[in-house]
Amino acid sequence: QVQPVESGGGLVQAGGSLRLSCATSGSISSINVMGWYRQAPGKKRELVARITSGGSTKYADSVKGRFTISRDNAKNTVYLQMNSLKPEDTAVYYCNVADSMGWEYWGQGTQVTVSS
């Protein structure tokens, strides 16, 4: 069974940094897009950043210049380096993995809390 597993969340002060990781286990055909989404209380889940197998990236406007997504294809792992964190970045962050067949898999989420 394919299962992305996130790690690296936690509590940090505003202006601080965190690095999230998501490792995908199980049998999966070629991974295409890997991404990070987040959901704050009372809000819809939104895209934070995503990266294709070729390295093309897309970021939400709210995180451009502060967050960096990267991936290790050999390890089926995606990372999110988050710098200059703001209280409004507080949310549950979810890893999303899409394979070449179009199947998508979600992690269980990791909490990121930024205190002011």
C-alpha atoms as a PDB file:
ATOM      1  CA  GLN A   1       0.000   0.000   0.000  1.00  0.00           C
ATOM      2  CA  VAL A   2       1.338   3.399  -0.983  1.00  0.00           C
ATOM      3  CA  GLN A   3       1.642   5.782   1.910  1.00  0.00           C
ATOM      4  CA  PRO A   4       3.304   9.201   2.039  1.00  0.00           C
ATOM      5  CA  VAL A   5       4.530   9.958   5.556  1.00  0.00           C
ATOM      6  CA  GLU A   6       5.252  13.525   6.634  1.00  0.00           C
ATOM      7  CA  SER A   7       7.659  14.629   9.341  1.00  0.00           C
ATOM      8  CA  GLY A   8       9.237  17.824  10.585  1.00  0.00           C
ATOM      9  CA  GLY A   9       6.272  19.842  11.810  1.00  0.00           C
ATOM     10  CA  GLY A  10       6.223  21.592  15.142  1.00  0.00           C
ATOM     11  CA  LEU A  11       6.026  24.873  17.019  1.00  0.00           C
ATOM     12  CA  VAL A  12       8.220  27.786  15.992  1.00  0.00           C
ATOM     13  CA  GLN A  13       8.304  31.515  16.639  1.00  0.00           C
ATOM     14  CA  ALA A  14       7.528  33.983  13.907  1.00  0.00           C
ATOM     15  CA  GLY A  15      10.565  34.532  11.724  1.00  0.00           C
ATOM     16  CA  GLY A  16      11.836  31.027  12.355  1.00  0.00           C
ATOM     17  CA  SER A  17      12.312  28.079  10.027  1.00  0.00           C
ATOM     18  CA  LEU A  18      11.122  24.508   9.685  1.00  0.00           C
ATOM     19  CA  ARG A  19      11.848  21.764   7.182  1.00  0.00           C
ATOM     20  CA  LEU A  20       9.162  19.263   6.307  1.00  0.00           C
ATOM     21  CA  SER A  21       9.905  15.898   4.742  1.00  0.00           C
ATOM     22  CA  CYS A  22       7.609  13.395   3.071  1.00  0.00           C
ATOM     23  CA  ALA A  23       8.785   9.898   2.245  1.00  0.00           C
ATOM     24  CA  THR A  24       6.600   7.658   0.128  1.00  0.00           C
ATOM     25  CA  SER A  25       6.640   3.948   0.870  1.00  0.00           C
ATOM     26  CA  GLY A  26       5.010   1.053  -0.908  1.00  0.00           C
ATOM     27  CA  SER A  27       4.815  -0.019  -4.494  1.00  0.00           C
ATOM     28  CA  ILE A  28       4.204   2.946  -6.719  1.00  0.00           C
ATOM     29  CA  SER A  29       4.640   3.485 -10.412  1.00  0.00           C
ATOM     30  CA  SER A  30       6.721   6.378 -11.563  1.00  0.00           C
ATOM     31  CA  ILE A  31       5.990   9.407  -9.440  1.00  0.00           C
ATOM     32  CA  ASN A  32       5.073  12.489 -11.400  1.00  0.00           C
ATOM     33  CA  VAL A  33       4.165  15.419  -9.179  1.00  0.00           C
ATOM     34  CA  MET A  34       4.891  15.788  -5.474  1.00  0.00           C
ATOM     35  CA  GLY A  35       3.436  18.629  -3.506  1.00  0.00           C
ATOM     36  CA  TRP A  36       2.530  20.212  -0.214  1.00  0.00           C
ATOM     37  CA  TYR A  37      -0.898  21.493   0.735  1.00  0.00           C
ATOM     38  CA  ARG A  38      -2.098  23.058   3.958  1.00  0.00           C
ATOM     39  CA  GLN A  39      -5.350  23.520   5.769  1.00  0.00           C
ATOM     40  CA  ALA A  40      -5.914  26.048   8.516  1.00  0.00           C
ATOM     41  CA  PRO A  41      -8.886  25.789  10.886  1.00  0.00           C
ATOM     42  CA  GLY A  42     -12.068  26.841   9.145  1.00  0.00           C
ATOM     43  CA  LYS A  43     -10.376  27.181   5.772  1.00  0.00           C
ATOM     44  CA  LYS A  44     -10.162  25.079   2.645  1.00  0.00           C
ATOM     45  CA  ARG A  45      -7.115  23.014   1.859  1.00  0.00           C
ATOM     46  CA  GLU A  46      -4.794  24.994  -0.417  1.00  0.00           C
ATOM     47  CA  LEU A  47      -1.752  24.317  -2.506  1.00  0.00           C
ATOM     48  CA  VAL A  48       1.500  25.508  -0.967  1.00  0.00           C
ATOM     49  CA  ALA A  49       4.005  24.222  -3.502  1.00  0.00           C
ATOM     50  CA  ARG A  50       4.491  21.396  -5.949  1.00  0.00           C
ATOM     51  CA  ILE A  51       7.342  20.000  -8.023  1.00  0.00           C
ATOM     52  CA  THR A  52       7.350  17.773 -11.081  1.00  0.00           C
ATOM     53  CA  SER A  53       9.688  14.900 -11.773  1.00  0.00           C
ATOM     54  CA  GLY A  54      11.619  17.235 -14.045  1.00  0.00           C
ATOM     55  CA  GLY A  55      12.064  19.811 -11.323  1.00  0.00           C
ATOM     56  CA  SER A  56       9.513  22.422 -12.367  1.00  0.00           C
ATOM     57  CA  THR A  57       7.994  24.176  -9.378  1.00  0.00           C
ATOM     58  CA  LYS A  58       4.897  26.135  -8.533  1.00  0.00           C
ATOM     59  CA  TYR A  59       4.285  28.142  -5.359  1.00  0.00           C
ATOM     60  CA  ALA A  60       1.355  29.869  -3.769  1.00  0.00           C
ATOM     61  CA  ASP A  61       1.832  33.632  -3.899  1.00  0.00           C
ATOM     62  CA  SER A  62       1.736  33.803  -0.104  1.00  0.00           C
ATOM     63  CA  VAL A  63       4.892  31.682   0.263  1.00  0.00           C
ATOM     64  CA  LYS A  64       6.984  32.796  -2.708  1.00  0.00           C
ATOM     65  CA  GLY A  65      10.458  33.843  -1.628  1.00  0.00           C
ATOM     66  CA  ARG A  66      10.082  32.175   1.779  1.00  0.00           C
ATOM     67  CA  PHE A  67       9.439  28.483   1.045  1.00  0.00           C
ATOM     68  CA  THR A  68      11.451  26.138  -1.166  1.00  0.00           C
ATOM     69  CA  ILE A  69      10.298  22.752  -2.393  1.00  0.00           C
ATOM     70  CA  SER A  70      12.741  20.072  -3.487  1.00  0.00           C
ATOM     71  CA  ARG A  71      12.721  16.336  -4.071  1.00  0.00           C
ATOM     72  CA  ASP A  72      14.956  13.286  -4.093  1.00  0.00           C
ATOM     73  CA  ASN A  73      13.639  11.011  -6.821  1.00  0.00           C
ATOM     74  CA  ALA A  74      15.810   8.089  -5.748  1.00  0.00           C
ATOM     75  CA  LYS A  75      14.223   8.178  -2.298  1.00  0.00           C
ATOM     76  CA  ASN A  76      10.680   9.112  -3.395  1.00  0.00           C
ATOM     77  CA  THR A  77      10.947  11.977  -0.929  1.00  0.00           C
ATOM     78  CA  VAL A  78       9.861  15.604  -1.131  1.00  0.00           C
ATOM     79  CA  TYR A  79      10.962  18.431   1.150  1.00  0.00           C
ATOM     80  CA  LEU A  80       9.621  21.843   2.055  1.00  0.00           C
ATOM     81  CA  GLN A  81      12.038  24.341   3.538  1.00  0.00           C
ATOM     82  CA  MET A  82      10.037  27.070   5.253  1.00  0.00           C
ATOM     83  CA  ASN A  83      11.813  30.275   6.248  1.00  0.00           C
ATOM     84  CA  SER A  84      10.574  33.569   7.668  1.00  0.00           C
ATOM     85  CA  LEU A  85       7.511  31.838   9.027  1.00  0.00           C
ATOM     86  CA  LYS A  86       4.463  33.895   9.897  1.00  0.00           C
ATOM     87  CA  PRO A  87       1.537  33.160  12.214  1.00  0.00           C
ATOM     88  CA  GLU A  88      -0.681  32.871   9.137  1.00  0.00           C
ATOM     89  CA  ASP A  89       1.393  29.870   8.031  1.00  0.00           C
ATOM     90  CA  THR A  90      -0.098  27.934  10.933  1.00  0.00           C
ATOM     91  CA  ALA A  91      -1.916  24.910   9.512  1.00  0.00           C
ATOM     92  CA  VAL A  92      -1.831  21.184   9.037  1.00  0.00           C
ATOM     93  CA  TYR A  93       0.501  20.487   6.141  1.00  0.00           C
ATOM     94  CA  TYR A  94      -0.267  17.550   3.872  1.00  0.00           C
ATOM     95  CA  CYS A  95       1.954  15.771   1.390  1.00  0.00           C
ATOM     96  CA  ASN A  96       0.420  14.818  -1.956  1.00  0.00           C
ATOM     97  CA  VAL A  97       1.961  12.405  -4.437  1.00  0.00           C
ATOM     98  CA  ALA A  98       0.645  11.783  -7.950  1.00  0.00           C
ATOM     99  CA  ASP A  99       1.944   8.936 -10.052  1.00  0.00           C
ATOM    100  CA  SER A 100       2.192   8.705 -13.823  1.00  0.00           C
ATOM    101  CA  MET A 101      -1.149   6.845 -13.969  1.00  0.00           C
ATOM    102  CA  GLY A 102      -2.931   9.764 -12.328  1.00  0.00           C
ATOM    103  CA  TRP A 103      -3.442   8.175  -8.943  1.00  0.00           C
ATOM    104  CA  GLU A 104      -3.005  10.523  -5.991  1.00  0.00           C
ATOM    105  CA  TYR A 105      -1.962   9.692  -2.468  1.00  0.00           C
ATOM    106  CA  TRP A 106      -2.174  11.851   0.660  1.00  0.00           C
ATOM    107  CA  GLY A 107      -0.188  11.787   3.856  1.00  0.00           C
ATOM    108  CA  GLN A 108      -1.812  12.022   7.262  1.00  0.00           C
ATOM    109  CA  GLY A 109      -0.658  15.591   7.808  1.00  0.00           C
ATOM    110  CA  THR A 110       1.756  17.324  10.143  1.00  0.00           C
ATOM    111  CA  GLN A 111       0.938  20.325  12.319  1.00  0.00           C
ATOM    112  CA  VAL A 112       2.891  23.539  11.891  1.00  0.00           C
ATOM    113  CA  THR A 113       2.249  26.235  14.475  1.00  0.00           C
ATOM    114  CA  VAL A 114       3.865  29.657  14.280  1.00  0.00           C
ATOM    115  CA  SER A 115       3.594  31.808  17.372  1.00  0.00           C
ATOM    116  CA  SER A 116       3.666  35.597  17.246  1.00  0.00           C
END
